[in-house]
PDB file of N, CA and C in Angstrom:
ATOM      1  N   GLY A   1     102.273  28.221  90.701  1.00  0.00           N
ATOM      2  CA  GLY A   1     101.228  29.298  90.805  1.00  0.00           C
ATOM      3  C   GLY A   1     101.763  30.302  89.892  1.00  0.00           C
ATOM      4  N   GLY A   2     101.382  31.492  90.482  1.00  0.00           N
ATOM      5  CA  GLY A   2     101.556  33.186  89.458  1.00  0.00           C
ATOM      6  C   GLY A   2     102.972  33.341  89.753  1.00  0.00           C
ATOM      7  N   GLY A   3     103.353  34.376  88.958  1.00  0.00           N
ATOM      8  CA  GLY A   3     104.712  34.702  88.992  1.00  0.00           C
ATOM      9  C   GLY A   3     104.648  36.360  89.739  1.00  0.00           C
ATOM     10  N   GLY A   4     103.370  36.442  90.604  1.00  0.00           N
ATOM     11  CA  GLY A   4     103.566  37.881  91.199  1.00  0.00           C
ATOM     12  C   GLY A   4     102.473  38.734  90.322  1.00  0.00           C
ATOM     13  N   SER A   5     102.352  39.822  91.198  1.00  0.00           N
ATOM     14  CA  SER A   5     101.275  40.716  90.151  1.00  0.00           C
ATOM     15  C   SER A   5     101.659  42.071  90.611  1.00  0.00           C
ATOM     16  N   ARG A   6     100.976  43.015  89.833  1.00  0.00           N
ATOM     17  CA  ARG A   6     101.478  44.329  90.131  1.00  0.00           C
ATOM     18  C   ARG A   6     100.003  45.090  90.209  1.00  0.00           C
ATOM     19  N   LEU A   7     100.053  46.304  90.986  1.00  0.00           N
ATOM     20  CA  LEU A   7      98.792  47.098  91.360  1.00  0.00           C
ATOM     21  C   LEU A   7      99.192  48.545  90.993  1.00  0.00           C
ATOM     22  N   HIS A   8      98.616  49.389  90.064  1.00  0.00           N
ATOM     23  CA  HIS A   8      99.258  50.733  89.862  1.00  0.00           C
ATOM     24  C   HIS A   8      97.765  51.795  90.151  1.00  0.00           C
ATOM     25  N   ARG A   9      98.077  52.841  90.359  1.00  0.00           N
ATOM     26  CA  ARG A   9      96.910  53.697  90.454  1.00  0.00           C
ATOM     27  C   ARG A   9      97.335  54.723  89.082  1.00  0.00           C
ATOM     28  N   ALA A  10      96.418  54.994  88.490  1.00  0.00           N
ATOM     29  CA  ALA A  10      96.516  55.937  87.160  1.00  0.00           C
ATOM     30  C   ALA A  10      96.317  57.316  87.710  1.00  0.00           C
ATOM     31  N   GLU A  11      96.579  58.311  87.028  1.00  0.00           N
ATOM     32  CA  GLU A  11      96.520  59.801  87.037  1.00  0.00           C
ATOM     33  C   GLU A  11      95.221  60.181  87.605  1.00  0.00           C
ATOM     34  N   ASN A  12      94.307  59.382  86.918  1.00  0.00           N
ATOM     35  CA  ASN A  12      92.754  59.738  87.197  1.00  0.00           C
ATOM     36  C   ASN A  12      92.102  59.054  88.379  1.00  0.00           C
ATOM     37  N   GLY A  13      93.008  58.238  89.119  1.00  0.00           N
ATOM     38  CA  GLY A  13      92.640  57.790  90.482  1.00  0.00           C
ATOM     39  C   GLY A  13      92.089  55.816  90.235  1.00  0.00           C
ATOM     40  N   ASP A  14      92.187  55.598  89.021  1.00  0.00           N
ATOM     41  CA  ASP A  14      91.850  54.308  88.654  1.00  0.00           C
ATOM     42  C   ASP A  14      93.035  53.367  89.079  1.00  0.00           C
ATOM     43  N   PHE A  15      92.472  52.318  89.233  1.00  0.00           N
ATOM     44  CA  PHE A  15      93.539  51.207  89.758  1.00  0.00           C
ATOM     45  C   PHE A  15      93.662  50.294  88.181  1.00  0.00           C
ATOM     46  N   VAL A  16      94.950  49.709  88.049  1.00  0.00           N
ATOM     47  CA  VAL A  16      95.025  48.956  87.158  1.00  0.00           C
ATOM     48  C   VAL A  16      95.898  47.790  87.804  1.00  0.00           C
ATOM     49  N   ALA A  17      95.674  46.379  87.661  1.00  0.00           N
ATOM     50  CA  ALA A  17      96.472  45.248  88.133  1.00  0.00           C
ATOM     51  C   ALA A  17      96.958  44.441  86.972  1.00  0.00           C
ATOM     52  N   TYR A  18      97.791  43.674  86.941  1.00  0.00           N
ATOM     53  CA  TYR A  18      98.027  42.812  86.014  1.00  0.00           C
ATOM     54  C   TYR A  18      98.945  41.498  87.104  1.00  0.00           C
ATOM     55  N   ALA A  19      98.888  40.159  86.372  1.00  0.00           N
ATOM     56  CA  ALA A  19      99.595  39.241  87.189  1.00  0.00           C
ATOM     57  C   ALA A  19     100.207  38.566  86.164  1.00  0.00           C
ATOM     58  N   ARG A  20     101.536  37.973  86.444  1.00  0.00           N
ATOM     59  CA  ARG A  20     102.499  37.289  85.741  1.00  0.00           C
ATOM     60  C   ARG A  20     102.296  35.657  85.891  1.00  0.00           C
ATOM     61  N   TRP A  21     101.893  34.917  84.782  1.00  0.00           N
ATOM     62  CA  TRP A  21     101.819  33.425  85.084  1.00  0.00           C
ATOM     63  C   TRP A  21     102.501  32.638  83.927  1.00  0.00           C
ATOM     64  N   PRO A  22     103.052  31.763  84.137  1.00  0.00           N
ATOM     65  CA  PRO A  22     103.869  30.744  83.402  1.00  0.00           C
ATOM     66  C   PRO A  22     103.465  30.700  81.865  1.00  0.00           C
ATOM     67  N   SER A  23     102.109  30.695  82.046  1.00  0.00           N
ATOM     68  CA  SER A  23     101.500  30.331  80.837  1.00  0.00           C
ATOM     69  C   SER A  23      99.805  30.326  81.034  1.00  0.00           C
ATOM     70  N   LYS A  24      99.069  30.700  79.983  1.00  0.00           N
ATOM     71  CA  LYS A  24      97.682  30.931  79.665  1.00  0.00           C
ATOM     72  C   LYS A  24      97.011  29.292  80.370  1.00  0.00           C
ATOM     73  N   GLU A  25      97.774  28.331  79.997  1.00  0.00           N
ATOM     74  CA  GLU A  25      97.130  27.214  80.631  1.00  0.00           C
ATOM     75  C   GLU A  25      97.284  26.956  82.149  1.00  0.00           C
ATOM     76  N   ASP A  26      98.266  27.544  82.817  1.00  0.00           N
ATOM     77  CA  ASP A  26      98.428  27.587  84.175  1.00  0.00           C
ATOM     78  C   ASP A  26      97.541  28.476  84.923  1.00  0.00           C
ATOM     79  N   ARG A  27      97.375  29.613  84.370  1.00  0.00           N
ATOM     80  CA  ARG A  27      96.142  30.596  84.794  1.00  0.00           C
ATOM     81  C   ARG A  27      95.093  29.910  84.877  1.00  0.00           C
ATOM     82  N   ASP A  28      94.453  29.492  83.532  1.00  0.00           N
ATOM     83  CA  ASP A  28      93.361  28.827  83.373  1.00  0.00           C
ATOM     84  C   ASP A  28      93.237  27.665  84.518  1.00  0.00           C
ATOM     85  N   LYS A  29      93.869  26.663  84.775  1.00  0.00           N
ATOM     86  CA  LYS A  29      93.915  25.771  85.734  1.00  0.00           C
ATOM     87  C   LYS A  29      93.657  26.392  87.233  1.00  0.00           C
ATOM     88  N   ALA A  30      94.367  27.497  87.391  1.00  0.00           N
ATOM     89  CA  ALA A  30      94.459  28.068  88.853  1.00  0.00           C
ATOM     90  C   ALA A  30      92.886  28.533  88.849  1.00  0.00           C
ATOM     91  N   PHE A  31      92.440  29.123  88.045  1.00  0.00           N
ATOM     92  CA  PHE A  31      90.989  29.617  88.071  1.00  0.00           C
ATOM     93  C   PHE A  31      89.651  29.094  87.764  1.00  0.00           C
ATOM     94  N   ALA A  32      90.071  27.386  87.621  1.00  0.00           N
ATOM     95  CA  ALA A  32      89.121  26.791  86.781  1.00  0.00           C
ATOM     96  C   ALA A  32      87.950  26.519  88.106  1.00  0.00           C
ATOM     97  N   ASP A  33      88.201  26.512  89.474  1.00  0.00           N
ATOM     98  CA  ASP A  33      87.326  26.233  90.556  1.00  0.00           C
ATOM     99  C   ASP A  33      86.345  27.481  90.479  1.00  0.00           C
ATOM    100  N   TYR A  34      86.716  28.707  90.074  1.00  0.00           N
ATOM    101  CA  TYR A  34      85.776  29.661  90.142  1.00  0.00           C
ATOM    102  C   TYR A  34      84.898  29.789  88.904  1.00  0.00           C
ATOM    103  N   SER A  35      85.135  29.516  87.787  1.00  0.00           N
ATOM    104  CA  SER A  35      84.338  29.092  86.929  1.00  0.00           C
ATOM    105  C   SER A  35      83.749  28.274  86.954  1.00  0.00           C
ATOM    106  N   LYS A  36      83.886  27.071  87.569  1.00  0.00           N
ATOM    107  CA  LYS A  36      82.859  25.844  87.738  1.00  0.00           C
ATOM    108  C   LYS A  36      81.609  26.215  88.438  1.00  0.00           C
ATOM    109  N   ASP A  37      81.951  27.123  89.345  1.00  0.00           N
ATOM    110  CA  ASP A  37      80.735  27.458  90.527  1.00  0.00           C
ATOM    111  C   ASP A  37      80.560  28.961  90.169  1.00  0.00           C
ATOM    112  N   PRO A  38      79.457  29.174  89.564  1.00  0.00           N
ATOM    113  CA  PRO A  38      78.785  30.912  89.031  1.00  0.00           C
ATOM    114  C   PRO A  38      78.582  31.667  90.456  1.00  0.00           C
ATOM    115  N   ASN A  39      78.128  30.839  91.803  1.00  0.00           N
ATOM    116  CA  ASN A  39      77.859  31.453  92.532  1.00  0.00           C
ATOM    117  C   ASN A  39      79.270  31.917  93.906  1.00  0.00           C
ATOM    118  N   ARG A  40      80.237  31.346  93.414  1.00  0.00           N
ATOM    119  CA  ARG A  40      81.423  31.491  93.991  1.00  0.00           C
ATOM    120  C   ARG A  40      82.089  32.845  93.558  1.00  0.00           C
ATOM    121  N   ALA A  41      82.701  33.727  94.190  1.00  0.00           N
ATOM    122  CA  ALA A  41      83.300  34.965  93.750  1.00  0.00           C
ATOM    123  C   ALA A  41      84.885  35.049  94.305  1.00  0.00           C
ATOM    124  N   ILE A  42      85.480  35.610  93.420  1.00  0.00           N
ATOM    125  CA  ILE A  42      86.660  35.838  94.002  1.00  0.00           C
ATOM    126  C   ILE A  42      86.760  36.991  95.008  1.00  0.00           C
ATOM    127  N   PRO A  43      87.523  36.661  96.227  1.00  0.00           N
ATOM    128  CA  PRO A  43      87.419  37.604  97.392  1.00  0.00           C
ATOM    129  C   PRO A  43      87.995  39.191  96.682  1.00  0.00           C
ATOM    130  N   GLN A  44      87.840  40.070  97.256  1.00  0.00           N
ATOM    131  CA  GLN A  44      88.044  41.349  97.044  1.00  0.00           C
ATOM    132  C   GLN A  44      88.545  41.979  98.410  1.00  0.00           C
ATOM    133  N   ARG A  45      89.434  42.637  98.385  1.00  0.00           N
ATOM    134  CA  ARG A  45      89.931  43.219  99.650  1.00  0.00           C
ATOM    135  C   ARG A  45      89.047  44.440 100.083  1.00  0.00           C
ATOM    136  N   GLU A  46      88.811  45.428  99.317  1.00  0.00           N
ATOM    137  CA  GLU A  46      87.733  46.366  99.704  1.00  0.00           C
ATOM    138  C   GLU A  46      86.907  46.769  98.122  1.00  0.00           C
ATOM    139  N   GLY A  47      86.173  47.491  98.132  1.00  0.00           N
ATOM    140  CA  GLY A  47      85.506  48.292  96.994  1.00  0.00           C
ATOM    141  C   GLY A  47      84.759  47.430  95.988  1.00  0.00           C
ATOM    142  N   LYS A  48      84.573  48.175  94.796  1.00  0.00           N
ATOM    143  CA  LYS A  48      84.144  47.215  93.853  1.00  0.00           C
ATOM    144  C   LYS A  48      85.127  47.298  92.714  1.00  0.00           C
ATOM    145  N   ALA A  49      85.323  46.114  91.866  1.00  0.00           N
ATOM    146  CA  ALA A  49      86.302  45.994  90.893  1.00  0.00           C
ATOM    147  C   ALA A  49      85.539  45.862  89.629  1.00  0.00           C
ATOM    148  N   GLU A  50      85.984  46.445  88.794  1.00  0.00           N
ATOM    149  CA  GLU A  50      85.169  46.511  87.345  1.00  0.00           C
ATOM    150  C   GLU A  50      86.344  45.495  86.542  1.00  0.00           C
ATOM    151  N   LEU A  51      85.921  44.300  85.979  1.00  0.00           N
ATOM    152  CA  LEU A  51      86.659  43.605  85.145  1.00  0.00           C
ATOM    153  C   LEU A  51      86.615  44.180  83.894  1.00  0.00           C
ATOM    154  N   ILE A  52      87.708  43.994  83.116  1.00  0.00           N
ATOM    155  CA  ILE A  52      87.670  44.404  81.561  1.00  0.00           C
ATOM    156  C   ILE A  52      88.126  43.128  80.825  1.00  0.00           C
ATOM    157  N   GLU A  53      88.054  43.143  79.523  1.00  0.00           N
ATOM    158  CA  GLU A  53      88.532  42.233  79.089  1.00  0.00           C
ATOM    159  C   GLU A  53      89.944  41.853  79.169  1.00  0.00           C
ATOM    160  N   GLU A  54      90.148  40.413  79.079  1.00  0.00           N
ATOM    161  CA  GLU A  54      91.699  40.240  79.528  1.00  0.00           C
ATOM    162  C   GLU A  54      92.287  40.442  78.412  1.00  0.00           C
ATOM    163  N   VAL A  55      93.816  40.956  78.748  1.00  0.00           N
ATOM    164  CA  VAL A  55      94.731  41.234  77.495  1.00  0.00           C
ATOM    165  C   VAL A  55      95.841  40.323  78.012  1.00  0.00           C
ATOM    166  N   TRP A  56      96.342  39.613  76.888  1.00  0.00           N
ATOM    167  CA  TRP A  56      97.703  38.599  77.124  1.00  0.00           C
ATOM    168  C   TRP A  56      98.706  39.242  76.503  1.00  0.00           C
ATOM    169  N   LEU A  57      99.693  39.616  77.106  1.00  0.00           N
ATOM    170  CA  LEU A  57     101.121  40.298  76.692  1.00  0.00           C
ATOM    171  C   LEU A  57     102.070  39.082  76.769  1.00  0.00           C
ATOM    172  N   ASP A  58     102.618  39.196  75.871  1.00  0.00           N
ATOM    173  CA  ASP A  58     104.242  38.517  75.781  1.00  0.00           C
ATOM    174  C   ASP A  58     105.407  39.340  76.267  1.00  0.00           C
ATOM    175  N   ILE A  59     106.028  38.834  77.270  1.00  0.00           N
ATOM    176  CA  ILE A  59     107.288  39.494  77.938  1.00  0.00           C
ATOM    177  C   ILE A  59     108.379  39.729  76.890  1.00  0.00           C
ATOM    178  N   ILE A  60     108.579  40.676  76.187  1.00  0.00           N
ATOM    179  CA  ILE A  60     110.026  40.607  75.205  1.00  0.00           C
ATOM    180  C   ILE A  60     111.203  41.204  76.027  1.00  0.00           C
ATOM    181  N   ASP A  61     111.281  41.871  77.027  1.00  0.00           N
ATOM    182  CA  ASP A  61     112.354  42.220  77.736  1.00  0.00           C
ATOM    183  C   ASP A  61     111.934  42.769  78.967  1.00  0.00           C
ATOM    184  N   ASP A  62     112.242  41.917  80.175  1.00  0.00           N
ATOM    185  CA  ASP A  62     111.871  42.182  81.574  1.00  0.00           C
ATOM    186  C   ASP A  62     112.992  43.285  82.181  1.00  0.00           C
ATOM    187  N   LEU A  63     112.653  44.565  82.437  1.00  0.00           N
ATOM    188  CA  LEU A  63     113.698  45.308  82.759  1.00  0.00           C
ATOM    189  C   LEU A  63     113.233  45.623  84.105  1.00  0.00           C
ATOM    190  N   LEU A  64     112.232  45.220  84.822  1.00  0.00           N
ATOM    191  CA  LEU A  64     111.840  45.608  86.339  1.00  0.00           C
ATOM    192  C   LEU A  64     112.808  44.932  87.140  1.00  0.00           C
ATOM    193  N   ILE A  65     113.269  45.943  88.179  1.00  0.00           N
ATOM    194  CA  ILE A  65     114.280  45.561  89.012  1.00  0.00           C
ATOM    195  C   ILE A  65     113.572  44.780  90.093  1.00  0.00           C
ATOM    196  N   PRO A  66     114.084  43.677  90.777  1.00  0.00           N
ATOM    197  CA  PRO A  66     113.333  42.813  91.772  1.00  0.00           C
ATOM    198  C   PRO A  66     113.272  43.609  93.059  1.00  0.00           C
ATOM    199  N   GLU A  67     112.041  43.479  93.477  1.00  0.00           N
ATOM    200  CA  GLU A  67     111.775  44.140  94.811  1.00  0.00           C
ATOM    201  C   GLU A  67     112.725  44.508  95.851  1.00  0.00           C
ATOM    202  N   ALA A  68     113.506  43.245  96.097  1.00  0.00           N
ATOM    203  CA  ALA A  68     114.700  43.376  97.112  1.00  0.00           C
ATOM    204  C   ALA A  68     115.731  44.336  96.725  1.00  0.00           C
ATOM    205  N   GLU A  69     116.049  44.426  95.372  1.00  0.00           N
ATOM    206  CA  GLU A  69     117.078  45.117  94.927  1.00  0.00           C
ATOM    207  C   GLU A  69     116.802  46.687  94.597  1.00  0.00           C
ATOM    208  N   LEU A  70     115.444  47.213  94.964  1.00  0.00           N
ATOM    209  CA  LEU A  70     115.064  48.487  94.589  1.00  0.00           C
ATOM    210  C   LEU A  70     115.732  49.492  95.611  1.00  0.00           C
ATOM    211  N   PRO A  71     116.211  50.569  95.101  1.00  0.00           N
ATOM    212  CA  PRO A  71     116.555  51.882  95.738  1.00  0.00           C
ATOM    213  C   PRO A  71     115.612  52.302  96.829  1.00  0.00           C
ATOM    214  N   LYS A  72     116.244  52.638  98.040  1.00  0.00           N
ATOM    215  CA  LYS A  72     115.083  53.032  99.403  1.00  0.00           C
ATOM    216  C   LYS A  72     114.008  53.818  99.000  1.00  0.00           C
ATOM    217  N   ARG A  73     114.392  54.916  97.839  1.00  0.00           N
ATOM    218  CA  ARG A  73     113.195  55.828  97.457  1.00  0.00           C
ATOM    219  C   ARG A  73     111.986  55.068  97.150  1.00  0.00           C
ATOM    220  N   PHE A  74     112.253  53.935  96.685  1.00  0.00           N
ATOM    221  CA  PHE A  74     111.050  53.078  96.059  1.00  0.00           C
ATOM    222  C   PHE A  74     110.118  52.640  96.961  1.00  0.00           C
ATOM    223  N   ARG A  75     110.508  52.295  98.553  1.00  0.00           N
ATOM    224  CA  ARG A  75     109.950  51.438  99.612  1.00  0.00           C
ATOM    225  C   ARG A  75     109.239  52.613 100.356  1.00  0.00           C
TER     226      ARG A  75
END
């Protein structure tokens, strides 16, 4: 599956989310069921999401500290 995801809140209150996948092919395969049936919706926890054009990024250097190793002030 995926390699986790992050959800951020921007200064203007908008939410921005992204997920990490091993490859585009793995992501496309995981979402294939949703694109086959146009009446099937991806579940949302609450509210309304506005999807924007996907942006694919290559990780050049990953400096994020694993969640378990974060200082207490981040929890």
